[in-house]
Protein backbone atom coordinates (compact mmCIF):
# COMPACT_ATOMS: atom_id res chain seq x y z
CA MET A 1 78.48 84.73 52.87
CA LEU A 2 80.57 82.16 55.98
CA PRO A 3 83.56 83.33 58.05
CA ARG A 4 86.05 80.96 56.89
CA SER A 5 87.52 80.19 60.21
CA LEU A 6 83.42 79.15 60.82
CA ALA A 7 83.37 77.19 57.70
CA GLU A 8 86.50 75.21 58.86
CA ALA A 9 84.91 74.66 61.85
CA MET A 10 81.98 72.66 60.74
CA PRO A 11 81.58 69.12 61.25
CA LEU A 12 83.02 67.13 58.39
CA PRO A 13 79.59 66.21 57.26
CA TRP A 14 78.46 69.51 56.62
CA GLN A 15 81.67 70.47 54.92
CA HIS A 16 80.93 67.56 52.48
CA GLN A 17 77.37 68.76 52.13
CA MET A 18 78.56 72.24 51.40
CA ARG A 19 81.19 71.56 49.24
CA ASN A 20 78.83 69.28 47.02
CA LEU A 21 76.50 72.17 47.07
CA LEU A 22 79.24 74.67 45.97
CA ALA A 23 80.31 72.43 43.22
CA GLU A 24 76.58 72.01 41.83
CA PHE A 25 76.51 75.90 42.21
CA HIS A 26 79.57 76.13 39.61
CA GLN A 27 78.44 73.63 37.79
CA ALA A 28 74.86 75.60 37.43
CA PHE A 29 76.24 79.19 36.76
CA GLY A 30 79.80 78.52 35.86
CA HIS A 31 79.83 80.43 32.54
CA VAL A 32 78.78 84.02 34.59
CA GLN A 33 81.23 86.15 34.41
CA TRP A 34 81.32 87.06 37.50
CA PRO A 35 82.56 90.44 39.49
CA VAL A 36 85.42 90.56 42.13
CA TYR A 37 84.02 90.75 45.71
CA ARG A 38 86.36 92.39 48.12
CA VAL A 39 84.75 91.11 51.74
CA VAL A 40 86.40 92.75 54.69
CA PRO A 41 84.38 92.52 58.55
CA SER A 42 82.61 95.61 59.30
CA ARG A 43 80.44 97.14 61.55
CA TYR A 44 77.84 99.76 62.13
CA GLU A 45 78.96 102.98 63.58
CA ARG A 46 77.38 106.46 63.87
CA LEU A 47 78.97 108.62 61.58
CA ALA A 48 79.30 111.79 64.10
CA ASN A 49 81.80 109.26 65.97
CA LEU A 50 83.88 108.43 62.82
CA ASP A 51 87.46 109.28 62.40
CA ASP A 52 88.58 110.79 59.12
CA ASP A 53 89.88 107.69 57.93
CA GLN A 54 86.57 106.04 58.77
CA LEU A 55 84.79 109.30 57.03
CA ALA A 56 86.76 108.71 53.67
CA GLU A 57 86.21 105.17 53.90
CA VAL A 58 82.43 105.70 53.75
CA GLY A 59 82.85 108.67 51.53
CA CYS A 60 81.94 111.37 53.64
CA THR A 61 83.44 114.69 54.74
CA VAL A 62 83.22 116.76 57.25
CA GLU A 63 83.67 120.61 57.38
CA VAL A 64 83.05 123.89 59.69
CA GLY A 65 79.92 125.48 57.93
CA ASP A 66 79.53 129.28 58.34
CA ASP A 67 77.30 128.27 61.42
CA GLY A 68 80.30 127.39 63.24
CA GLU A 69 78.55 123.46 63.09
CA LEU A 70 80.44 120.70 61.57
CA GLU A 71 78.46 120.02 58.66
CA TYR A 72 79.00 116.27 56.88
CA ARG A 73 78.85 115.84 53.14
CA MET A 74 78.75 113.02 51.09
CA ARG A 75 80.81 112.81 47.97
CA ASP A 76 78.29 114.45 45.73
CA GLY A 77 77.90 117.68 48.08
CA ARG A 78 74.37 116.05 49.37
CA ARG A 79 74.23 117.75 53.17
CA ILE A 80 73.79 115.14 56.31
CA GLU A 81 70.98 116.09 58.30
CA ASP A 82 71.89 114.09 61.43
CA PRO A 83 75.11 112.37 61.54
CA GLU A 84 74.64 111.76 65.56
CA GLN A 85 71.60 109.30 64.05
CA GLN A 86 72.87 108.41 61.06
CA GLN A 87 74.61 105.01 60.80
CA VAL A 88 76.76 103.64 58.22
CA LEU A 89 79.21 100.35 57.63
CA VAL A 90 82.98 100.36 58.64
CA SER A 91 85.61 97.97 58.50
CA CYS A 92 86.70 96.50 61.90
CA LEU A 93 89.25 93.78 62.70
CA ASP A 94 87.85 90.36 62.98
CA PRO A 95 85.75 89.59 65.73
CA ILE A 96 86.34 86.10 64.85
CA PRO A 97 89.77 84.38 66.01
CA PRO A 98 91.35 81.81 63.55
CA ARG A 99 91.02 78.17 63.55
CA GLY A 100 92.65 76.73 66.99
CA ALA A 101 93.70 80.22 68.53
CA GLN A 102 93.73 80.20 72.15
CA PRO A 103 91.14 82.95 73.73
CA PRO A 104 91.75 85.54 75.20
CA ALA A 105 93.08 85.04 79.29
CA ALA A 106 90.46 86.02 81.70
CA PRO A 107 90.60 89.59 83.14
CA PRO A 108 92.35 89.39 86.98
CA PRO A 109 89.36 89.99 89.24
CA PRO A 110 89.75 92.76 90.98
CA ALA A 111 91.57 94.04 94.40
CA TRP A 112 89.52 94.16 97.26
């Protein structure tokens, strides 16, 4: 998967080659029933650092156990043993600016 903004920034000869390759690909595999994919920018985060919305996104819940400690569980009830070290993929804002966007302004120098 290529981010659209980067594909559009490729030199025109590359874009033409990519278009031709994709046309050949679709010609060869156009008969296949493709599923619908949803692609979102994502990053890895430690499970223990997620908020409630992010936990729901990855299919986890967190509860206070009988011993007073937090227990992280998968949807099927399996306990996650080491949530501090367990990394999961969560959605994030797209870090690649759209084509033609102005880069963010540099922070001002510290005042000494």
